[in-house]
Structure formats: C-alpha cells, structure tokens
Amino acid sequence: MTDVLCFALDGTLLHRTRSDADVLAGVLGAHGIEPSDELVGVGTDEFRRAFDGLEDEPHVQSMAAVVAAAGAEADPEAMTETLRERTYEAATVPDAARESLSGLGADSKLAVITDGPREWQVGKLDHHGLGDPFDAVITSYEVGAHKPDTAAFDRVRQQLPAVEYVMVGDSDADIEGARAAGFVPIRYETEGPDLWATIDALL
C-alpha cells in the first residue's frame, strides 16, 4: 500500500465547468466593464506574467491591469473577490473522487501539490469540502517554485516521511516533477478509463 499519495488540485481533484476566459468576462461585466476579448486578454496575460514570476497577489494585479486598460473606476480588490467566488463556483468534484479519497485516507497519508498562492488554493479545497482528507497541502508560492520544479515534492517528503510516494496529476508538469523527485507518477486522464474507479487496484 502507498505510504503517501499526492494529488494535483486543478484538473485532477477539481474539474472546471467554465473556462477561465468565460469566468473573467463575467467578472468584468459584473463590475461595469465591457468584457471585450482585448480586456480579457489583458487580464489573462497580466495574471500569467505575475503568476509565473511568483509575484504577490497575481489576481489583484490582473484586475488592476484591466481597470487601467479600460480607463474604469472599478476596485481591483473587489473584482478579485468576485473572481475568487466565481472561480470556485466554476468547478466540481466527481462523486467518485470523494468516495475514493475517503477510503484511501484510511490506509495512506494524503497530500495536495498545487501551483498558486496558498490562500487561494486552500480556499478551493474548503469551498468544495475537500480539506479534511488531506494531511498536507503544498503550494508553489510557499516553496518558491512551480511544478515541474521538485521543491513542492521535497516539502511533502519533509512533512510526511514515508517509504513510497505517488503523485496523481493531469499535466506534464505534474508527471515530470514527480518523476524528477522520485515519486511514482500516475497521469489522470479526463477521457478514457475512470481513474477513480480503478485507483484502489492501481495503488
């Protein structure tokens, strides 16, 4: 049996029901800004720039860039709160995932390894009632590097000593980072055989 089983958050535990661009457009409209493709692009590009650089409050920076580009008077922090709420709502957790996590937690230590600011990512878990099963939640912002860097994986080793570690993720960064850190990588595919239906047998 696996000693520590790790999961990516976005795309693995949480499945998006709306695109980031669609969510962002709705946020702009809710704050009186015409949600043009250009402004959505401004917000997306600024977020990615700040996020990739691990800068503080990348979501607020994104909203501030949109406000400046639109020449609007909206409050970037208020827009960020709307963005947070709508982002959390625009995701779902498969019932099979909840059932599997409950069973796996009885035999293994469970962890989340995710890219993003800790408050934002932990908020997603709490919003969807997923906080309890996990013994550790490690975010890229707290270790100073996004996946596939091994920093987050190394932090899991520090917090949860074990003989064997497995990482379940949906991206190349998840798989490459896990492999480089000496974790057993398992790719989560949204199409094809349901991992949640077979995960107990796999592990």
C-alpha atoms as a PDB file:
ATOM      1  CA  MET A   1       0.000   0.000   0.000  1.00  0.00           C
ATOM      2  CA  THR A   2       1.203   3.502  -0.832  1.00  0.00           C
ATOM      3  CA  ASP A   3       2.560   5.469   2.118  1.00  0.00           C
ATOM      4  CA  VAL A   4       1.899   8.986   0.759  1.00  0.00           C
ATOM      5  CA  LEU A   5      -0.479   9.624  -2.124  1.00  0.00           C
ATOM      6  CA  CYS A   6      -0.379  13.131  -3.644  1.00  0.00           C
ATOM      7  CA  PHE A   7      -2.853  14.799  -5.973  1.00  0.00           C
ATOM      8  CA  ALA A   8      -2.799  17.854  -8.211  1.00  0.00           C
ATOM      9  CA  LEU A   9      -5.720  20.168  -7.489  1.00  0.00           C
ATOM     10  CA  ASP A  10      -6.923  21.881 -10.675  1.00  0.00           C
ATOM     11  CA  GLY A  11      -7.729  19.363 -13.390  1.00  0.00           C
ATOM     12  CA  THR A  12      -7.448  16.351 -11.111  1.00  0.00           C
ATOM     13  CA  LEU A  13      -9.420  16.849  -7.901  1.00  0.00           C
ATOM     14  CA  LEU A  14     -11.363  19.784  -9.336  1.00  0.00           C
ATOM     15  CA  HIS A  15     -12.857  19.777 -12.823  1.00  0.00           C
ATOM     16  CA  ARG A  16     -13.666  23.100 -14.449  1.00  0.00           C
ATOM     17  CA  THR A  17     -17.218  23.680 -15.698  1.00  0.00           C
ATOM     18  CA  ARG A  18     -16.394  27.042 -17.330  1.00  0.00           C
ATOM     19  CA  SER A  19     -13.234  28.379 -18.930  1.00  0.00           C
ATOM     20  CA  ASP A  20     -11.032  30.957 -17.220  1.00  0.00           C
ATOM     21  CA  ALA A  21     -11.802  33.421 -20.010  1.00  0.00           C
ATOM     22  CA  ASP A  22     -15.544  32.969 -19.554  1.00  0.00           C
ATOM     23  CA  VAL A  23     -15.278  33.459 -15.793  1.00  0.00           C
ATOM     24  CA  LEU A  24     -13.128  36.556 -16.226  1.00  0.00           C
ATOM     25  CA  ALA A  25     -15.526  38.066 -18.755  1.00  0.00           C
ATOM     26  CA  GLY A  26     -18.367  37.625 -16.277  1.00  0.00           C
ATOM     27  CA  VAL A  27     -16.362  39.345 -13.552  1.00  0.00           C
ATOM     28  CA  LEU A  28     -15.662  42.349 -15.772  1.00  0.00           C
ATOM     29  CA  GLY A  29     -19.318  42.652 -16.675  1.00  0.00           C
ATOM     30  CA  ALA A  30     -20.337  42.406 -13.013  1.00  0.00           C
ATOM     31  CA  HIS A  31     -18.131  45.422 -12.235  1.00  0.00           C
ATOM     32  CA  GLY A  32     -19.343  47.604 -15.083  1.00  0.00           C
ATOM     33  CA  ILE A  33     -16.542  46.916 -17.551  1.00  0.00           C
ATOM     34  CA  GLU A  34     -17.415  45.806 -21.072  1.00  0.00           C
ATOM     35  CA  PRO A  35     -15.861  42.316 -21.307  1.00  0.00           C
ATOM     36  CA  SER A  36     -14.150  42.591 -24.682  1.00  0.00           C
ATOM     37  CA  ASP A  37     -11.765  39.928 -25.888  1.00  0.00           C
ATOM     38  CA  GLU A  38      -8.978  42.514 -25.663  1.00  0.00           C
ATOM     39  CA  LEU A  39      -9.589  43.244 -21.989  1.00  0.00           C
ATOM     40  CA  VAL A  40      -9.964  39.580 -21.133  1.00  0.00           C
ATOM     41  CA  GLY A  41      -6.608  39.089 -22.841  1.00  0.00           C
ATOM     42  CA  VAL A  42      -5.058  41.916 -20.829  1.00  0.00           C
ATOM     43  CA  GLY A  43      -6.223  40.331 -17.583  1.00  0.00           C
ATOM     44  CA  THR A  44      -5.108  36.867 -18.603  1.00  0.00           C
ATOM     45  CA  ASP A  45      -1.670  37.992 -19.767  1.00  0.00           C
ATOM     46  CA  GLU A  46      -1.003  40.082 -16.666  1.00  0.00           C
ATOM     47  CA  PHE A  47      -2.054  37.275 -14.372  1.00  0.00           C
ATOM     48  CA  ARG A  48       0.221  34.830 -16.155  1.00  0.00           C
ATOM     49  CA  ARG A  49       3.154  37.228 -16.007  1.00  0.00           C
ATOM     50  CA  ALA A  50       2.753  37.846 -12.269  1.00  0.00           C
ATOM     51  CA  PHE A  51       1.928  34.212 -11.513  1.00  0.00           C
ATOM     52  CA  ASP A  52       4.918  32.837 -13.421  1.00  0.00           C
ATOM     53  CA  GLY A  53       7.137  35.259 -11.502  1.00  0.00           C
ATOM     54  CA  LEU A  54       5.607  34.233  -8.153  1.00  0.00           C
ATOM     55  CA  GLU A  55       4.691  37.868  -7.523  1.00  0.00           C
ATOM     56  CA  ASP A  56       2.343  38.801  -4.700  1.00  0.00           C
ATOM     57  CA  GLU A  57      -1.391  38.888  -5.425  1.00  0.00           C
ATOM     58  CA  PRO A  58      -1.297  37.972  -9.119  1.00  0.00           C
ATOM     59  CA  HIS A  59      -5.103  38.073  -9.315  1.00  0.00           C
ATOM     60  CA  VAL A  60      -5.219  41.650  -7.976  1.00  0.00           C
ATOM     61  CA  GLN A  61      -2.501  42.643 -10.423  1.00  0.00           C
ATOM     62  CA  SER A  62      -4.562  41.131 -13.220  1.00  0.00           C
ATOM     63  CA  MET A  63      -7.665  43.088 -12.233  1.00  0.00           C
ATOM     64  CA  ALA A  64      -5.681  46.301 -11.838  1.00  0.00           C
ATOM     65  CA  ALA A  65      -4.279  45.900 -15.366  1.00  0.00           C
ATOM     66  CA  VAL A  66      -7.809  45.508 -16.754  1.00  0.00           C
ATOM     67  CA  VAL A  67      -9.055  48.569 -14.883  1.00  0.00           C
ATOM     68  CA  ALA A  68      -6.142  50.630 -16.204  1.00  0.00           C
ATOM     69  CA  ALA A  69      -6.611  49.401 -19.781  1.00  0.00           C
ATOM     70  CA  ALA A  70     -10.351  50.105 -19.658  1.00  0.00           C
ATOM     71  CA  GLY A  71      -9.956  53.502 -18.010  1.00  0.00           C
ATOM     72  CA  ALA A  72     -12.548  52.342 -15.480  1.00  0.00           C
ATOM     73  CA  GLU A  73     -13.078  53.234 -11.830  1.00  0.00           C
ATOM     74  CA  ALA A  74     -13.711  49.718 -10.554  1.00  0.00           C
ATOM     75  CA  ASP A  75     -11.913  48.437  -7.443  1.00  0.00           C
ATOM     76  CA  PRO A  76      -9.373  45.707  -8.353  1.00  0.00           C
ATOM     77  CA  GLU A  77      -9.612  44.108  -4.900  1.00  0.00           C
ATOM     78  CA  ALA A  78     -13.410  43.917  -5.078  1.00  0.00           C
ATOM     79  CA  MET A  79     -13.105  42.450  -8.565  1.00  0.00           C
ATOM     80  CA  THR A  80     -10.666  39.877  -7.225  1.00  0.00           C
ATOM     81  CA  GLU A  81     -13.158  38.751  -4.595  1.00  0.00           C
ATOM     82  CA  THR A  82     -15.783  38.316  -7.299  1.00  0.00           C
ATOM     83  CA  LEU A  83     -13.228  36.405  -9.368  1.00  0.00           C
ATOM     84  CA  ARG A  84     -12.455  34.148  -6.418  1.00  0.00           C
ATOM     85  CA  GLU A  85     -16.114  33.361  -5.800  1.00  0.00           C
ATOM     86  CA  ARG A  86     -16.857  32.655  -9.450  1.00  0.00           C
ATOM     87  CA  THR A  87     -13.694  30.611  -9.945  1.00  0.00           C
ATOM     88  CA  TYR A  88     -14.590  28.400  -7.002  1.00  0.00           C
ATOM     89  CA  GLU A  89     -18.144  28.013  -8.282  1.00  0.00           C
ATOM     90  CA  ALA A  90     -16.926  27.153 -11.802  1.00  0.00           C
ATOM     91  CA  ALA A  91     -15.531  23.802 -10.686  1.00  0.00           C
ATOM     92  CA  THR A  92     -16.898  20.495  -9.494  1.00  0.00           C
ATOM     93  CA  VAL A  93     -15.604  17.397  -7.703  1.00  0.00           C
ATOM     94  CA  PRO A  94     -16.553  13.998  -9.149  1.00  0.00           C
ATOM     95  CA  ASP A  95     -18.569  11.926  -6.675  1.00  0.00           C
ATOM     96  CA  ALA A  96     -16.190   9.034  -7.310  1.00  0.00           C
ATOM     97  CA  ALA A  97     -13.275  11.220  -6.211  1.00  0.00           C
ATOM     98  CA  ARG A  98     -14.904  11.980  -2.867  1.00  0.00           C
ATOM     99  CA  GLU A  99     -15.594   8.305  -2.285  1.00  0.00           C
ATOM    100  CA  SER A 100     -12.070   7.244  -3.237  1.00  0.00           C
ATOM    101  CA  LEU A 101     -10.409   9.892  -1.067  1.00  0.00           C
ATOM    102  CA  SER A 102     -12.414   8.790   1.934  1.00  0.00           C
ATOM    103  CA  GLY A 103     -11.298   5.201   1.522  1.00  0.00           C
ATOM    104  CA  LEU A 104      -7.679   5.999   0.663  1.00  0.00           C
ATOM    105  CA  GLY A 105      -7.256   8.199   3.710  1.00  0.00           C
ATOM    106  CA  ALA A 106      -7.810   5.235   5.969  1.00  0.00           C
ATOM    107  CA  ASP A 107      -4.680   3.475   4.689  1.00  0.00           C
ATOM    108  CA  SER A 108      -2.388   6.213   3.344  1.00  0.00           C
ATOM    109  CA  LYS A 109      -1.303   9.761   4.059  1.00  0.00           C
ATOM    110  CA  LEU A 110      -2.819  12.129   1.503  1.00  0.00           C
ATOM    111  CA  ALA A 111      -1.407  15.391   0.172  1.00  0.00           C
ATOM    112  CA  VAL A 112      -2.168  18.052  -2.426  1.00  0.00           C
ATOM    113  CA  ILE A 113       0.629  19.558  -4.529  1.00  0.00           C
ATOM    114  CA  THR A 114      -0.646  22.585  -6.420  1.00  0.00           C
ATOM    115  CA  ASP A 115       0.602  25.712  -8.173  1.00  0.00           C
ATOM    116  CA  GLY A 116      -0.740  29.001  -6.827  1.00  0.00           C
ATOM    117  CA  PRO A 117      -0.980  31.254  -3.763  1.00  0.00           C
ATOM    118  CA  ARG A 118      -1.741  29.175  -0.670  1.00  0.00           C
ATOM    119  CA  GLU A 119      -4.823  31.117   0.465  1.00  0.00           C
ATOM    120  CA  TRP A 120      -6.407  30.882  -2.989  1.00  0.00           C
ATOM    121  CA  GLN A 121      -5.740  27.158  -3.429  1.00  0.00           C
ATOM    122  CA  VAL A 122      -6.682  26.115   0.109  1.00  0.00           C
ATOM    123  CA  GLY A 123      -9.847  28.167  -0.345  1.00  0.00           C
ATOM    124  CA  LYS A 124     -10.800  25.940  -3.276  1.00  0.00           C
ATOM    125  CA  LEU A 125     -10.450  22.835  -1.112  1.00  0.00           C
ATOM    126  CA  ASP A 126     -12.513  24.370   1.673  1.00  0.00           C
ATOM    127  CA  HIS A 127     -15.193  25.629  -0.719  1.00  0.00           C
ATOM    128  CA  HIS A 128     -15.671  22.124  -2.101  1.00  0.00           C
ATOM    129  CA  GLY A 129     -15.439  20.386   1.270  1.00  0.00           C
ATOM    130  CA  LEU A 130     -12.169  18.645   0.459  1.00  0.00           C
ATOM    131  CA  GLY A 131      -9.950  19.925   3.257  1.00  0.00           C
ATOM    132  CA  ASP A 132     -10.413  17.132   5.784  1.00  0.00           C
ATOM    133  CA  PRO A 133      -8.927  14.115   3.942  1.00  0.00           C
ATOM    134  CA  PHE A 134      -5.522  15.725   3.376  1.00  0.00           C
ATOM    135  CA  ASP A 135      -2.580  15.585   5.753  1.00  0.00           C
ATOM    136  CA  ALA A 136      -0.680  18.288   3.849  1.00  0.00           C
ATOM    137  CA  VAL A 137      -1.364  20.915   1.192  1.00  0.00           C
ATOM    138  CA  ILE A 138       1.762  22.264  -0.503  1.00  0.00           C
ATOM    139  CA  THR A 139       1.580  25.217  -2.878  1.00  0.00           C
ATOM    140  CA  SER A 140       4.173  26.526  -5.299  1.00  0.00           C
ATOM    141  CA  TYR A 141       4.060  30.001  -3.775  1.00  0.00           C
ATOM    142  CA  GLU A 142       5.127  28.792  -0.346  1.00  0.00           C
ATOM    143  CA  VAL A 143       8.094  26.805  -1.700  1.00  0.00           C
ATOM    144  CA  GLY A 144       9.125  29.417  -4.269  1.00  0.00           C
ATOM    145  CA  ALA A 145       8.772  27.362  -7.443  1.00  0.00           C
ATOM    146  CA  HIS A 146       6.068  25.982  -9.724  1.00  0.00           C
ATOM    147  CA  LYS A 147       5.977  22.393 -10.914  1.00  0.00           C
ATOM    148  CA  PRO A 148       7.867  20.654 -12.513  1.00  0.00           C
ATOM    149  CA  ASP A 149      10.440  22.010 -10.068  1.00  0.00           C
ATOM    150  CA  THR A 150      10.808  19.457  -7.274  1.00  0.00           C
ATOM    151  CA  ALA A 151      10.566  21.958  -4.391  1.00  0.00           C
ATOM    152  CA  ALA A 152       6.934  21.142  -3.560  1.00  0.00           C
ATOM    153  CA  PHE A 153       7.601  17.418  -3.756  1.00  0.00           C
ATOM    154  CA  ASP A 154      10.600  17.821  -1.460  1.00  0.00           C
ATOM    155  CA  ARG A 155       8.400  19.680   1.029  1.00  0.00           C
ATOM    156  CA  VAL A 156       5.996  16.735   1.077  1.00  0.00           C
ATOM    157  CA  ARG A 157       8.902  14.454   1.960  1.00  0.00           C
ATOM    158  CA  GLN A 158       9.836  16.775   4.827  1.00  0.00           C
ATOM    159  CA  GLN A 159       6.319  16.969   6.227  1.00  0.00           C
ATOM    160  CA  LEU A 160       5.214  13.381   5.613  1.00  0.00           C
ATOM    161  CA  PRO A 161       8.112  10.911   5.913  1.00  0.00           C
ATOM    162  CA  ALA A 162       7.331   7.650   4.126  1.00  0.00           C
ATOM    163  CA  VAL A 163       8.825   4.782   2.168  1.00  0.00           C
ATOM    164  CA  GLU A 164       6.965   5.421  -1.081  1.00  0.00           C
ATOM    165  CA  TYR A 165       5.351   8.468  -2.690  1.00  0.00           C
ATOM    166  CA  VAL A 166       2.859   8.601  -5.559  1.00  0.00           C
ATOM    167  CA  MET A 167       1.720  11.681  -7.497  1.00  0.00           C
ATOM    168  CA  VAL A 168      -1.564  11.707  -9.405  1.00  0.00           C
ATOM    169  CA  GLY A 169      -1.779  14.627 -11.834  1.00  0.00           C
ATOM    170  CA  ASP A 170      -3.172  15.667 -15.185  1.00  0.00           C
ATOM    171  CA  SER A 171      -0.331  17.795 -16.586  1.00  0.00           C
ATOM    172  CA  ASP A 172       3.155  17.212 -17.941  1.00  0.00           C
ATOM    173  CA  ALA A 173       4.473  19.380 -15.095  1.00  0.00           C
ATOM    174  CA  ASP A 174       2.840  17.056 -12.550  1.00  0.00           C
ATOM    175  CA  ILE A 175       4.331  13.961 -14.127  1.00  0.00           C
ATOM    176  CA  GLU A 176       7.784  15.404 -14.856  1.00  0.00           C
ATOM    177  CA  GLY A 177       8.090  16.927 -11.395  1.00  0.00           C
ATOM    178  CA  ALA A 178       7.008  13.721  -9.705  1.00  0.00           C
ATOM    179  CA  ARG A 179       9.447  11.633 -11.702  1.00  0.00           C
ATOM    180  CA  ALA A 180      12.339  14.024 -11.022  1.00  0.00           C
ATOM    181  CA  ALA A 181      11.553  13.940  -7.291  1.00  0.00           C
ATOM    182  CA  GLY A 182      11.483  10.158  -7.181  1.00  0.00           C
ATOM    183  CA  PHE A 183       7.701   9.900  -6.844  1.00  0.00           C
ATOM    184  CA  VAL A 184       5.724   7.279  -8.752  1.00  0.00           C
ATOM    185  CA  PRO A 185       3.766   9.335 -11.337  1.00  0.00           C
ATOM    186  CA  ILE A 186       0.214   8.434 -12.377  1.00  0.00           C
ATOM    187  CA  ARG A 187      -1.388  10.557 -15.082  1.00  0.00           C
ATOM    188  CA  TYR A 188      -5.024  11.466 -14.577  1.00  0.00           C
ATOM    189  CA  GLU A 189      -6.896  11.415 -17.878  1.00  0.00           C
ATOM    190  CA  THR A 190     -10.279  13.108 -18.209  1.00  0.00           C
ATOM    191  CA  GLU A 191     -11.159  10.770 -21.051  1.00  0.00           C
ATOM    192  CA  GLY A 192     -10.822   7.013 -21.159  1.00  0.00           C
ATOM    193  CA  PRO A 193     -10.948   4.661 -18.154  1.00  0.00           C
ATOM    194  CA  ASP A 194     -12.009   6.399 -14.933  1.00  0.00           C
ATOM    195  CA  LEU A 195      -9.004   6.564 -12.613  1.00  0.00           C
ATOM    196  CA  TRP A 196     -11.248   6.953  -9.583  1.00  0.00           C
ATOM    197  CA  ALA A 197     -12.965   3.672 -10.401  1.00  0.00           C
ATOM    198  CA  THR A 198      -9.658   1.801 -10.527  1.00  0.00           C
ATOM    199  CA  ILE A 199      -7.366   3.744  -8.214  1.00  0.00           C
ATOM    200  CA  ASP A 200      -7.577   1.257  -5.359  1.00  0.00           C
ATOM    201  CA  ALA A 201      -6.402  -1.509  -7.670  1.00  0.00           C
ATOM    202  CA  LEU A 202      -3.651   0.672  -9.136  1.00  0.00           C
ATOM    203  CA  LEU A 203      -2.259   1.516  -5.727  1.00  0.00           C
END
